[in-house]
Structure formats: structure tokens, C-alpha cells
């Protein structure tokens, strides 16, 4: 199955060792000569922090 880089955008990324959800793919960089993906930018989920009661 061949996927284009754009097919990865907005896909959820999960750590295969512990199952933790890391976020969603926002951008993909590829080497156009070899056709391989060189990096992916993953955006984390928004975390609301209560500044009045920090951890």
C-alpha cells in the first residue's frame, strides 16, 4: 500500500510501547529523491492548566 505524505496529516500518533496517544500529525517532510519520509511534526493535544492551582 502506497501512501502520500498528505495522507498522514491529521492521523493520530500512538506510542507502540505503552499505547499512549502522542497527538496528531501536522506536517510531513520527505526526501523527494528517495521518496522516504524524513520527519513528522506531531501536535500534542491541548492541555488546560489551572494557573490558580499549579501542580
N, C-alpha and C. Protein backbone atom coordinates (compact mmCIF):
# COMPACT_ATOMS: atom_id res chain seq x y z
N UNK A 1 0.84 -1.17 0.00
CA UNK A 1 0.00 0.00 0.00
C UNK A 1 0.89 1.24 0.00
N UNK A 2 0.66 2.14 -0.94
CA UNK A 2 1.45 3.36 -1.01
C UNK A 2 0.61 4.52 -0.50
N UNK A 3 1.18 5.27 0.44
CA UNK A 3 0.52 6.46 0.97
C UNK A 3 1.31 7.69 0.57
N UNK A 4 0.60 8.76 0.29
CA UNK A 4 1.24 10.04 0.04
C UNK A 4 1.41 10.74 1.38
N UNK A 5 2.37 11.66 1.44
CA UNK A 5 2.61 12.39 2.67
C UNK A 5 1.38 13.07 3.22
N UNK A 6 0.55 13.59 2.35
CA UNK A 6 -0.65 14.28 2.80
C UNK A 6 -1.63 13.32 3.46
N UNK A 7 -1.54 12.05 3.15
CA UNK A 7 -2.43 11.06 3.77
C UNK A 7 -2.13 10.88 5.25
N UNK A 8 -0.95 11.29 5.70
CA UNK A 8 -0.58 11.17 7.10
C UNK A 8 -1.08 12.33 7.94
N UNK A 9 -1.37 13.46 7.31
CA UNK A 9 -1.81 14.63 8.07
C UNK A 9 -3.10 14.33 8.79
N UNK A 10 -3.16 14.77 10.02
CA UNK A 10 -4.32 14.64 10.90
C UNK A 10 -4.57 13.20 11.35
N UNK A 11 -3.59 12.32 11.16
CA UNK A 11 -3.67 10.97 11.70
C UNK A 11 -3.14 10.98 13.13
N UNK A 12 -3.71 10.16 13.98
CA UNK A 12 -3.26 10.10 15.37
C UNK A 12 -1.99 9.26 15.47
N UNK A 13 -1.04 9.73 16.31
CA UNK A 13 0.22 9.03 16.53
C UNK A 13 0.17 8.42 17.93
N UNK A 14 0.46 7.11 18.00
CA UNK A 14 0.40 6.37 19.26
C UNK A 14 1.74 5.70 19.51
N UNK A 15 2.24 5.80 20.75
CA UNK A 15 3.47 5.13 21.14
C UNK A 15 3.18 3.63 21.19
N UNK A 16 3.90 2.83 20.39
CA UNK A 16 3.61 1.40 20.33
C UNK A 16 4.09 0.64 21.57
N UNK A 17 4.97 1.24 22.37
CA UNK A 17 5.46 0.56 23.57
C UNK A 17 4.46 0.62 24.72
N UNK A 18 3.78 1.78 24.86
CA UNK A 18 2.88 1.90 26.02
C UNK A 18 1.44 2.29 25.65
N UNK A 19 1.18 2.50 24.37
CA UNK A 19 -0.17 2.82 23.93
C UNK A 19 -0.60 4.26 24.17
N UNK A 20 0.32 5.10 24.65
CA UNK A 20 -0.01 6.50 24.94
C UNK A 20 -0.23 7.27 23.63
N UNK A 21 -1.29 8.04 23.61
CA UNK A 21 -1.59 8.87 22.44
C UNK A 21 -0.71 10.11 22.49
N UNK A 22 0.06 10.34 21.42
CA UNK A 22 1.02 11.44 21.41
C UNK A 22 0.48 12.70 20.75
N UNK A 23 -0.50 12.58 19.89
CA UNK A 23 -1.05 13.73 19.20
C UNK A 23 -1.36 13.40 17.75
N UNK A 24 -1.47 14.43 16.93
CA UNK A 24 -1.84 14.26 15.53
C UNK A 24 -0.77 14.83 14.62
N UNK A 25 -0.54 14.17 13.48
CA UNK A 25 0.45 14.63 12.50
C UNK A 25 -0.04 15.95 11.90
N UNK A 26 0.82 16.98 11.98
CA UNK A 26 0.50 18.29 11.43
C UNK A 26 1.27 18.57 10.15
N UNK A 27 2.47 18.01 10.01
CA UNK A 27 3.29 18.27 8.83
C UNK A 27 4.21 17.08 8.60
N UNK A 28 4.55 16.85 7.34
CA UNK A 28 5.43 15.74 6.96
C UNK A 28 6.52 16.28 6.06
N UNK A 29 7.79 15.90 6.33
CA UNK A 29 8.91 16.26 5.46
C UNK A 29 9.42 14.99 4.81
N UNK A 30 9.77 15.11 3.53
CA UNK A 30 10.23 13.93 2.80
C UNK A 30 11.42 14.27 1.93
N UNK A 31 12.23 13.26 1.65
CA UNK A 31 13.32 13.38 0.70
C UNK A 31 12.74 13.04 -0.67
N UNK A 32 12.65 14.04 -1.53
CA UNK A 32 12.00 13.83 -2.82
C UNK A 32 12.79 12.93 -3.76
N UNK A 33 14.09 12.84 -3.56
CA UNK A 33 14.91 11.97 -4.41
C UNK A 33 14.68 10.50 -4.09
N UNK A 34 14.56 10.17 -2.79
CA UNK A 34 14.40 8.77 -2.40
C UNK A 34 12.94 8.39 -2.15
N UNK A 35 12.10 9.42 -1.93
CA UNK A 35 10.69 9.15 -1.65
C UNK A 35 10.43 8.68 -0.24
N UNK A 36 11.39 8.92 0.66
CA UNK A 36 11.21 8.48 2.05
C UNK A 36 10.83 9.66 2.94
N UNK A 37 10.04 9.37 3.97
CA UNK A 37 9.67 10.38 4.94
C UNK A 37 10.86 10.58 5.87
N UNK A 38 11.27 11.83 6.07
CA UNK A 38 12.41 12.12 6.93
C UNK A 38 11.99 12.59 8.31
N UNK A 39 10.82 13.22 8.41
CA UNK A 39 10.34 13.67 9.71
C UNK A 39 8.86 13.97 9.67
N UNK A 40 8.26 13.97 10.86
CA UNK A 40 6.85 14.33 11.01
C UNK A 40 6.72 15.26 12.20
N UNK A 41 5.90 16.29 12.07
CA UNK A 41 5.62 17.19 13.18
C UNK A 41 4.30 16.73 13.80
N UNK A 42 4.34 16.43 15.09
CA UNK A 42 3.16 15.95 15.79
C UNK A 42 2.73 17.00 16.80
N UNK A 43 1.48 17.43 16.70
CA UNK A 43 0.94 18.41 17.64
C UNK A 43 0.29 17.66 18.79
N UNK A 44 0.63 18.07 20.00
CA UNK A 44 0.02 17.45 21.17
C UNK A 44 -1.39 17.96 21.35
N UNK A 45 -2.14 17.20 22.09
CA UNK A 45 -3.49 17.63 22.43
C UNK A 45 -3.40 18.83 23.37
N UNK A 46 -4.40 19.66 23.33
CA UNK A 46 -4.44 20.83 24.20
C UNK A 46 -4.65 20.37 25.64
N UNK A 47 -3.87 20.96 26.54
CA UNK A 47 -4.00 20.64 27.95
C UNK A 47 -4.37 21.92 28.68
N UNK A 48 -5.49 21.90 29.36
CA UNK A 48 -5.89 23.06 30.16
C UNK A 48 -5.20 22.99 31.51
N UNK A 49 -4.57 24.10 31.88
CA UNK A 49 -3.85 24.18 33.15
C UNK A 49 -4.51 25.24 34.02
N UNK A 50 -4.79 24.87 35.24
CA UNK A 50 -5.36 25.80 36.21
C UNK A 50 -4.19 26.55 36.85
N UNK A 51 -3.98 27.81 36.41
CA UNK A 51 -2.84 28.60 36.91
C UNK A 51 -3.02 28.98 38.38
N UNK A 52 -4.26 29.01 38.85
CA UNK A 52 -4.50 29.34 40.26
C UNK A 52 -4.06 28.20 41.18
N UNK A 53 -4.08 26.96 40.66
CA UNK A 53 -3.70 25.79 41.45
C UNK A 53 -2.71 24.94 40.66
N UNK A 54 -1.46 25.43 40.50
CA UNK A 54 -0.49 24.66 39.71
C UNK A 54 -0.16 23.33 40.38
N UNK A 55 0.28 22.39 39.60
CA UNK A 55 0.63 21.06 40.13
C UNK A 55 1.87 21.12 40.98
